[in-house]
């Protein structure tokens, strides 16, 4: 099938977009009021702003306080508002869990379960490819509180992972695909190891929201930066943590309340609205992204495309087995003949790609990753300069034309330098 001037095999395109298409109907229906009797309801739940909740009696107030684990219980604004509870219900449903806690940012979502599950003297196995701020939180906060950290290669075998474990290992923290380098981890194996160690498996599932059920693969907690695909318009900072058991929910909920981790109602409302179109946005963006990735793979300047749906991406077989689709974020490693300066000049020459650190919105972005990745283990991006692309809703043929101009200029500059 030709997509934006690039021939994308029909089975590959279907494997990339199927999950988003299947998810769209659920996203439209979940978390909405339904008219009953003679009354009408608005399509979108209203925003409720407030701090103080009033009760008819002290007995009623005391009873509400004992129901703080109820997903819809209103006690005080800092414990959640009606629109937050609606968003939590939707996220829990599409993640495959039972409860979700909405928090003010993606980083808060990463930090909250680590704080909930770890104590002084505990040991945490942390994937070497986690989100940079998660790594910094582990180094600068968890270590200071007496938690020991060991980084493991994202594609470590079961025996290698068990060799790194200790009697005090309480958490295995994974991110799949890996931040910037896109290794797709074997979550089934990680779940088995966590079970053997009686540890909690926490998975940052931001890239794979709606495309994978982390709990069915053995995860206990799933982390989401809702800032990305769910909010979808690059104007909201928000996160979520989802669990699948009452015990994990009580632990998570208590830690969230005790640390004041709730999001504002306006951000929750914007995210709930953004979720309604996430499926159709990502079906389009994922299709364009695979076409752009295949085109980049054909370029002589490119050594490797790190798109989980392509065999060139480490852990591709795990993606093929576990995911129902792909997202619109991927990485590219360039030929070692090019320098970081060559890459910077190429990026600066692009006109349709914004230069920005986030992703998941409707706009295309590019970000150099060379020199900005902290790793303890060997990185798949270390051979040549690398960058990360997020593909938006722009016309794919225009994005490819923009990249063609940039890469042609990069090659011409390199040839001129070699001939000087």
Protein backbone atom coordinates (compact mmCIF):
# COMPACT_ATOMS: atom_id res chain seq x y z
CA UNK A 1 0.00 0.00 0.00
CA UNK A 2 1.36 3.44 -0.94
CA UNK A 3 1.22 5.92 1.91
CA UNK A 4 2.57 9.44 1.33
CA UNK A 5 4.55 8.24 -1.68
CA UNK A 6 6.11 5.38 0.32
CA UNK A 7 5.09 1.78 -0.22
CA UNK A 8 4.05 0.41 3.17
CA UNK A 9 3.24 -3.31 3.15
CA UNK A 10 -0.47 -3.73 3.93
CA UNK A 11 0.18 -6.16 6.79
CA UNK A 12 2.71 -3.78 8.37
CA UNK A 13 0.31 -0.82 8.13
CA UNK A 14 -2.48 -2.90 9.64
CA UNK A 15 -0.24 -4.01 12.52
CA UNK A 16 0.58 -0.37 13.27
CA UNK A 17 -2.93 1.14 13.23
CA UNK A 18 -5.21 -1.73 14.28
CA UNK A 19 -5.06 -1.00 18.01
CA UNK A 20 -5.93 2.66 17.58
CA UNK A 21 -8.88 1.86 15.36
CA UNK A 22 -10.16 -0.71 17.86
CA UNK A 23 -9.76 1.75 20.74
CA UNK A 24 -11.63 4.69 19.18
CA UNK A 25 -15.16 3.55 20.02
CA UNK A 26 -14.28 2.87 23.66
CA UNK A 27 -12.68 6.29 24.00
CA UNK A 28 -15.83 7.98 22.76
CA UNK A 29 -18.11 6.05 25.13
CA UNK A 30 -16.17 5.74 28.40
CA UNK A 31 -16.65 8.11 31.35
CA UNK A 32 -19.74 9.93 30.08
CA UNK A 33 -23.16 10.55 31.58
CA UNK A 34 -26.20 8.94 29.95
CA UNK A 35 -29.63 10.59 29.84
CA UNK A 36 -32.26 8.94 32.03
CA UNK A 37 -35.97 9.56 32.18
CA UNK A 38 -37.01 13.01 30.98
CA UNK A 39 -33.72 14.71 31.85
CA UNK A 40 -30.90 15.61 29.51
CA UNK A 41 -27.15 15.63 30.08
CA UNK A 42 -24.26 17.42 28.47
CA UNK A 43 -22.02 15.31 26.22
CA UNK A 44 -18.93 16.27 28.22
CA UNK A 45 -18.93 16.11 32.04
CA UNK A 46 -18.71 19.61 33.53
CA UNK A 47 -15.70 21.00 35.39
CA UNK A 48 -16.15 21.24 39.15
CA UNK A 49 -13.68 23.58 40.83
CA UNK A 50 -13.50 23.54 44.58
CA UNK A 51 -11.56 22.89 47.73
CA UNK A 52 -14.15 22.55 50.52
CA UNK A 53 -16.83 19.86 50.43
CA UNK A 54 -19.84 20.43 52.71
CA UNK A 55 -21.68 17.66 54.57
CA UNK A 56 -25.11 17.52 56.19
CA UNK A 57 -23.72 16.21 59.48
CA UNK A 58 -20.50 15.31 61.27
CA UNK A 59 -21.52 11.67 60.99
CA UNK A 60 -21.74 11.98 57.19
CA UNK A 61 -18.37 13.74 57.06
CA UNK A 62 -16.76 11.02 59.19
CA UNK A 63 -18.27 8.29 56.99
CA UNK A 64 -16.89 9.98 53.87
CA UNK A 65 -13.43 10.05 55.41
CA UNK A 66 -13.55 6.29 55.85
CA UNK A 67 -14.40 5.86 52.16
CA UNK A 68 -11.28 7.54 50.81
CA UNK A 69 -10.52 4.51 48.62
CA UNK A 70 -13.83 4.93 46.78
CA UNK A 71 -12.97 6.15 43.28
CA UNK A 72 -15.79 8.72 43.33
CA UNK A 73 -15.82 9.78 46.97
CA UNK A 74 -15.76 13.57 47.47
CA UNK A 75 -14.05 14.54 50.72
CA UNK A 76 -11.81 17.52 49.94
CA UNK A 77 -10.64 19.07 46.67
CA UNK A 78 -7.08 17.81 47.12
CA UNK A 79 -8.39 14.24 47.13
CA UNK A 80 -10.12 14.57 43.79
CA UNK A 81 -13.00 16.23 41.96
CA UNK A 82 -15.79 14.68 39.86
CA UNK A 83 -14.02 15.25 36.54
CA UNK A 84 -10.80 13.76 37.97
CA UNK A 85 -12.70 10.65 39.01
CA UNK A 86 -14.20 10.36 35.50
CA UNK A 87 -10.74 10.58 33.96
CA UNK A 88 -9.45 7.97 36.41
CA UNK A 89 -12.21 5.58 35.38
CA UNK A 90 -11.35 5.98 31.69
CA UNK A 91 -7.61 5.52 32.19
CA UNK A 92 -8.10 2.44 34.38
CA UNK A 93 -10.37 0.93 31.73
CA UNK A 94 -8.07 1.43 28.75
CA UNK A 95 -4.99 0.36 30.75
CA UNK A 96 -6.71 -2.86 31.83
CA UNK A 97 -6.60 -2.01 35.55
CA UNK A 98 -9.14 -1.49 38.31
CA UNK A 99 -8.19 1.90 39.74
CA UNK A 100 -6.17 4.92 38.63
CA UNK A 101 -4.77 7.94 40.42
CA UNK A 102 -4.42 11.16 38.44
CA UNK A 103 -1.37 13.26 39.37
CA UNK A 104 0.01 16.65 38.27
CA UNK A 105 2.63 15.42 35.75
CA UNK A 106 4.22 12.45 34.06
CA UNK A 107 7.19 12.66 36.42
CA UNK A 108 4.84 12.64 39.41
CA UNK A 109 3.33 9.46 37.96
CA UNK A 110 6.79 7.88 37.74
CA UNK A 111 7.78 8.94 41.26
CA UNK A 112 4.56 8.11 43.11
CA UNK A 113 4.66 4.28 42.84
CA UNK A 114 8.38 4.25 43.64
CA UNK A 115 7.66 6.19 46.83
CA UNK A 116 4.73 3.91 47.60
CA UNK A 117 6.59 0.62 47.11
CA UNK A 118 10.09 1.35 48.42
CA UNK A 119 11.54 2.06 51.86
CA UNK A 120 15.02 2.56 53.32
CA UNK A 121 17.10 -0.59 52.82
CA UNK A 122 15.08 -1.79 49.82
CA UNK A 123 16.60 -2.53 46.42
CA UNK A 124 15.19 -1.42 43.06
CA UNK A 125 16.05 -2.88 39.66
CA UNK A 126 15.69 0.01 37.22
CA UNK A 127 15.79 -0.37 33.45
CA UNK A 128 18.78 1.47 32.04
CA UNK A 129 16.54 3.11 29.42
CA UNK A 130 14.01 4.82 31.67
CA UNK A 131 12.91 8.42 31.21
CA UNK A 132 15.78 10.72 32.23
CA UNK A 133 13.88 12.50 35.05
CA UNK A 134 12.89 9.10 36.50
CA UNK A 135 16.57 8.18 36.59
CA UNK A 136 17.42 11.47 38.29
CA UNK A 137 14.66 10.92 40.85
CA UNK A 138 16.15 7.53 41.66
CA UNK A 139 19.66 8.95 41.96
CA UNK A 140 18.91 12.16 43.84
CA UNK A 141 15.90 11.21 45.98
CA UNK A 142 15.62 7.44 46.41
CA UNK A 143 19.33 6.95 47.10
CA UNK A 144 19.21 9.78 49.64
CA UNK A 145 16.38 7.97 51.39
CA UNK A 146 18.40 4.74 51.62
CA UNK A 147 17.07 2.86 48.59
CA UNK A 148 19.68 0.93 46.58
CA UNK A 149 19.49 1.14 42.78
CA UNK A 150 20.83 -1.28 40.17
CA UNK A 151 20.39 -0.60 36.45
CA UNK A 152 19.73 -3.55 34.17
CA UNK A 153 20.07 -3.80 30.37
CA UNK A 154 16.61 -3.39 28.82
CA UNK A 155 16.94 -6.67 26.92
CA UNK A 156 18.53 -8.63 29.77
CA UNK A 157 17.66 -12.32 29.95
CA UNK A 158 15.80 -13.84 32.87
CA UNK A 159 18.98 -15.35 34.28
CA UNK A 160 20.86 -12.05 33.94
CA UNK A 161 18.10 -10.20 35.75
CA UNK A 162 17.94 -12.75 38.56
CA UNK A 163 21.70 -12.46 38.96
CA UNK A 164 21.29 -8.73 39.62
CA UNK A 165 18.50 -9.22 42.14
CA UNK A 166 18.96 -9.23 45.90
CA UNK A 167 16.91 -10.52 48.83
CA UNK A 168 15.83 -6.90 49.35
CA UNK A 169 14.63 -6.32 45.76
CA UNK A 170 11.15 -4.86 46.06
CA UNK A 171 10.62 -3.19 42.68
CA UNK A 172 11.47 -3.85 39.04
CA UNK A 173 10.87 -0.67 37.05
CA UNK A 174 10.63 -0.91 33.27
CA UNK A 175 9.89 1.44 30.40
CA UNK A 176 8.96 -0.10 27.10
CA UNK A 177 9.93 1.01 24.54
CA UNK A 178 12.98 2.55 26.18
CA UNK A 179 13.31 6.31 26.34
CA UNK A 180 15.14 7.60 23.21
CA UNK A 181 16.60 4.20 22.26
CA UNK A 182 13.26 2.33 21.91
CA UNK A 183 14.21 -1.15 23.11
CA UNK A 184 10.97 -3.13 23.55
CA UNK A 185 11.26 -5.05 26.79
CA UNK A 186 9.98 -8.55 27.47
CA UNK A 187 7.32 -7.66 30.02
CA UNK A 188 6.18 -11.27 30.32
CA UNK A 189 9.64 -12.28 31.50
CA UNK A 190 9.89 -9.28 33.82
CA UNK A 191 6.56 -10.26 35.32
CA UNK A 192 7.82 -13.78 35.98
CA UNK A 193 10.96 -12.46 37.64
CA UNK A 194 8.96 -10.03 39.78
CA UNK A 195 6.77 -12.93 40.91
CA UNK A 196 9.81 -15.02 41.86
CA UNK A 197 11.24 -12.12 43.85
CA UNK A 198 7.91 -11.13 45.42
CA UNK A 199 8.55 -7.68 43.95
CA UNK A 200 6.28 -5.16 42.22
CA UNK A 201 6.71 -4.68 38.47
CA UNK A 202 6.13 -1.04 37.56
CA UNK A 203 5.90 -0.24 33.84
CA UNK A 204 6.05 3.18 32.22
CA UNK A 205 3.52 2.52 29.47
CA UNK A 206 3.27 6.04 28.04
CA UNK A 207 4.24 5.02 24.48
CA UNK A 208 1.92 2.01 24.49
CA UNK A 209 -1.26 3.39 26.06
CA UNK A 210 -4.22 1.50 24.66
CA UNK A 211 -1.95 -0.78 22.63
CA UNK A 212 -0.89 -3.16 25.38
CA UNK A 213 -2.40 -4.53 28.60
CA UNK A 214 0.53 -4.35 31.04
CA UNK A 215 -1.38 -6.20 33.77
CA UNK A 216 -2.08 -9.19 31.56
CA UNK A 217 1.69 -9.44 31.03
CA UNK A 218 2.51 -9.42 34.73
CA UNK A 219 2.77 -5.75 35.71
CA UNK A 220 1.39 -4.57 39.04
CA UNK A 221 1.45 -0.83 38.33
CA UNK A 222 1.31 1.12 35.06
CA UNK A 223 2.54 4.69 34.66
CA UNK A 224 1.26 7.22 32.15
CA UNK A 225 2.38 10.71 31.14
CA UNK A 226 -1.10 11.80 30.03
CA UNK A 227 0.58 14.98 28.81
CA UNK A 228 1.42 13.04 25.63
CA UNK A 229 -1.19 11.22 23.53
CA UNK A 230 -4.26 11.47 25.81
CA UNK A 231 -4.19 15.26 26.26
CA UNK A 232 -2.85 15.47 22.73
CA UNK A 233 -2.58 19.23 22.23
CA UNK A 234 0.71 20.16 23.94
CA UNK A 235 -1.05 22.41 26.44
CA UNK A 236 -1.50 20.22 29.52
CA UNK A 237 0.85 18.68 32.09
CA UNK A 238 -0.71 15.64 33.78
CA UNK A 239 -0.03 11.99 34.67
CA UNK A 240 -1.70 8.80 35.88
CA UNK A 241 -0.84 5.67 37.84
CA UNK A 242 -3.02 2.59 37.36
CA UNK A 243 -3.21 -0.60 39.46
CA UNK A 244 -5.10 -3.87 39.21
CA UNK A 245 -5.47 -4.99 42.83
CA UNK A 246 -7.11 -3.53 45.93
CA UNK A 247 -3.92 -3.92 47.95
CA UNK A 248 -1.88 -1.93 45.44
CA UNK A 249 -4.68 0.64 45.21
CA UNK A 250 -4.73 1.26 48.96
CA UNK A 251 -0.96 1.66 49.04
CA UNK A 252 -0.95 3.97 46.03
CA UNK A 253 -3.95 6.01 47.13
CA UNK A 254 -2.58 6.56 50.63
CA UNK A 255 0.78 7.70 49.25
CA UNK A 256 -0.92 10.05 46.80
CA UNK A 257 -3.01 11.67 49.54
CA UNK A 258 -0.12 11.92 51.97
CA UNK A 259 2.10 13.58 49.35
CA UNK A 260 -0.61 15.82 47.88
CA UNK A 261 -0.48 14.25 44.42
CA UNK A 262 -3.68 15.22 42.61
CA UNK A 263 -4.21 17.19 39.41
CA UNK A 264 -6.37 20.27 38.91
CA UNK A 265 -9.87 19.92 37.46
CA UNK A 266 -9.11 22.00 34.36
CA UNK A 267 -6.19 19.76 33.36
CA UNK A 268 -8.35 16.69 33.99
CA UNK A 269 -11.14 18.08 31.81
CA UNK A 270 -8.77 18.97 28.98
CA UNK A 271 -7.26 15.48 29.10
CA UNK A 272 -10.66 13.78 29.15
CA UNK A 273 -11.64 15.83 26.11
CA UNK A 274 -8.35 15.01 24.36
CA UNK A 275 -8.86 11.30 24.95
CA UNK A 276 -12.02 11.32 22.84
CA UNK A 277 -9.97 11.87 19.68
CA UNK A 278 -6.78 10.04 20.67
CA UNK A 279 -7.69 6.95 18.65
CA UNK A 280 -8.37 8.74 15.38
CA UNK A 281 -5.41 11.10 15.86
CA UNK A 282 -3.02 8.27 16.48
CA UNK A 283 -4.40 6.06 13.72
CA UNK A 284 -3.46 8.86 11.31
CA UNK A 285 -0.19 9.77 13.01
CA UNK A 286 0.97 6.17 13.39
CA UNK A 287 0.31 5.49 9.70
CA UNK A 288 2.30 8.56 8.69
CA UNK A 289 5.07 7.68 11.14
CA UNK A 290 5.64 4.20 9.69
CA UNK A 291 5.78 5.68 6.18
CA UNK A 292 8.34 8.27 7.31
CA UNK A 293 10.31 5.60 9.17
CA UNK A 294 10.46 3.36 6.09
CA UNK A 295 11.52 6.30 3.95
CA UNK A 296 14.28 7.21 6.42
CA UNK A 297 15.39 3.58 6.46
CA UNK A 298 16.05 3.83 2.71
CA UNK A 299 18.31 6.88 3.03
CA UNK A 300 22.10 6.41 2.78
CA UNK A 301 22.65 8.81 5.71
CA UNK A 302 20.70 6.53 8.08
CA UNK A 303 22.32 3.57 9.83
CA UNK A 304 19.30 2.37 11.81
CA UNK A 305 15.66 3.29 12.41
CA UNK A 306 14.48 2.59 15.96
CA UNK A 307 10.77 2.06 15.33
CA UNK A 308 9.34 -0.88 17.34
CA UNK A 309 7.31 -2.10 14.34
CA UNK A 310 10.48 -2.55 12.27
CA UNK A 311 12.96 -5.47 12.64
CA UNK A 312 15.80 -2.93 13.00
CA UNK A 313 14.50 -1.99 16.46
CA UNK A 314 15.83 -4.00 19.42
CA UNK A 315 13.05 -6.07 20.95
CA UNK A 316 10.91 -5.93 17.80
CA UNK A 317 9.73 -9.50 18.42
CA UNK A 318 8.38 -8.44 21.83
CA UNK A 319 6.43 -5.64 20.16
CA UNK A 320 5.10 -8.03 17.53
CA UNK A 321 3.93 -10.46 20.22
CA UNK A 322 2.47 -8.07 22.79
CA UNK A 323 1.29 -4.85 21.10
CA UNK A 324 -1.80 -4.22 18.97
CA UNK A 325 -0.29 -1.18 17.26
CA UNK A 326 2.46 1.41 17.27
CA UNK A 327 2.75 5.05 18.22
CA UNK A 328 4.10 8.00 16.27
CA UNK A 329 7.40 8.38 18.16
CA UNK A 330 10.61 6.69 17.01
CA UNK A 331 14.37 7.18 16.84
CA UNK A 332 16.99 7.34 14.09
CA UNK A 333 20.71 6.59 14.28
CA UNK A 334 22.79 8.13 11.50
CA UNK A 335 25.89 6.81 9.79
CA UNK A 336 29.00 7.33 11.97
CA UNK A 337 30.55 9.29 9.07
CA UNK A 338 28.32 12.17 10.16
CA UNK A 339 29.02 14.22 13.25
CA UNK A 340 26.81 15.71 15.89
CA UNK A 341 27.37 19.08 14.25
CA UNK A 342 26.10 17.68 10.94
CA UNK A 343 22.96 16.47 12.66
CA UNK A 344 22.39 19.81 14.39
CA UNK A 345 22.69 21.67 11.10
CA UNK A 346 20.23 19.28 9.45
CA UNK A 347 17.70 19.70 12.25
CA UNK A 348 18.01 23.48 12.13
CA UNK A 349 17.25 23.40 8.40
CA UNK A 350 13.87 21.66 8.83
CA UNK A 351 10.79 23.86 8.48
CA UNK A 352 7.88 21.58 9.43
CA UNK A 353 9.43 19.91 12.49
CA UNK A 354 9.42 21.86 15.71
CA UNK A 355 12.41 21.46 18.01
CA UNK A 356 11.02 20.49 21.39
CA UNK A 357 11.48 18.11 24.29
CA UNK A 358 7.97 16.68 24.52
CA UNK A 359 5.85 14.58 22.15
CA UNK A 360 2.37 13.18 21.70
CA UNK A 361 0.66 16.31 20.38
CA UNK A 362 -0.75 17.04 16.95
CA UNK A 363 2.50 18.61 15.73
CA UNK A 364 5.69 17.01 14.41
CA UNK A 365 8.83 17.38 16.51
CA UNK A 366 12.50 16.47 16.32
CA UNK A 367 15.00 16.28 19.15
CA UNK A 368 18.70 15.34 19.01
CA UNK A 369 19.49 12.60 21.51
CA UNK A 370 23.25 12.31 21.03
CA UNK A 371 25.00 13.32 24.23
CA UNK A 372 21.72 13.63 26.11
CA UNK A 373 21.22 10.00 27.12
CA UNK A 374 22.48 8.72 30.47
CA UNK A 375 23.30 5.02 30.37
CA UNK A 376 25.09 2.58 32.60
CA UNK A 377 24.84 -0.23 30.06
CA UNK A 378 25.62 -0.09 26.36
CA UNK A 379 23.25 2.03 24.29
CA UNK A 380 21.98 1.15 20.81
CA UNK A 381 22.43 4.79 19.80
CA UNK A 382 26.12 5.06 20.60
CA UNK A 383 27.56 4.32 17.13
CA UNK A 384 26.44 7.46 15.28
CA UNK A 385 24.60 10.71 15.98
CA UNK A 386 20.95 10.10 16.80
CA UNK A 387 17.67 11.94 17.08
CA UNK A 388 14.05 11.29 17.94
CA UNK A 389 11.08 12.09 15.70
CA UNK A 390 7.49 12.59 16.69
CA UNK A 391 5.16 12.58 13.70
CA UNK A 392 2.09 14.80 13.88
CA UNK A 393 -0.95 15.43 11.72
CA UNK A 394 0.85 17.24 8.91
CA UNK A 395 0.73 15.73 5.43
CA UNK A 396 3.24 12.90 5.27
CA UNK A 397 4.53 13.79 1.81
CA UNK A 398 5.35 17.30 3.03
CA UNK A 399 7.19 15.96 6.08
CA UNK A 400 9.20 13.60 3.85
CA UNK A 401 10.01 16.45 1.44
CA UNK A 402 11.20 18.55 4.39
CA UNK A 403 13.42 15.71 5.61
CA UNK A 404 14.73 15.07 2.08
CA UNK A 405 15.92 18.67 1.82
CA UNK A 406 17.58 18.44 5.21
CA UNK A 407 19.33 15.13 4.53
CA UNK A 408 20.40 16.17 1.02
CA UNK A 409 21.98 19.26 2.54
CA UNK A 410 23.69 17.22 5.25
CA UNK A 411 25.21 14.85 2.66
CA UNK A 412 26.29 17.71 0.41
CA UNK A 413 28.05 19.41 3.32
CA UNK A 414 29.83 16.18 4.25
CA UNK A 415 30.95 15.57 0.66
CA UNK A 416 32.22 19.12 0.39
CA UNK A 417 34.15 18.74 3.62
CA UNK A 418 35.68 15.46 2.48
CA UNK A 419 36.80 17.03 -0.80
CA UNK A 420 38.36 20.10 0.78
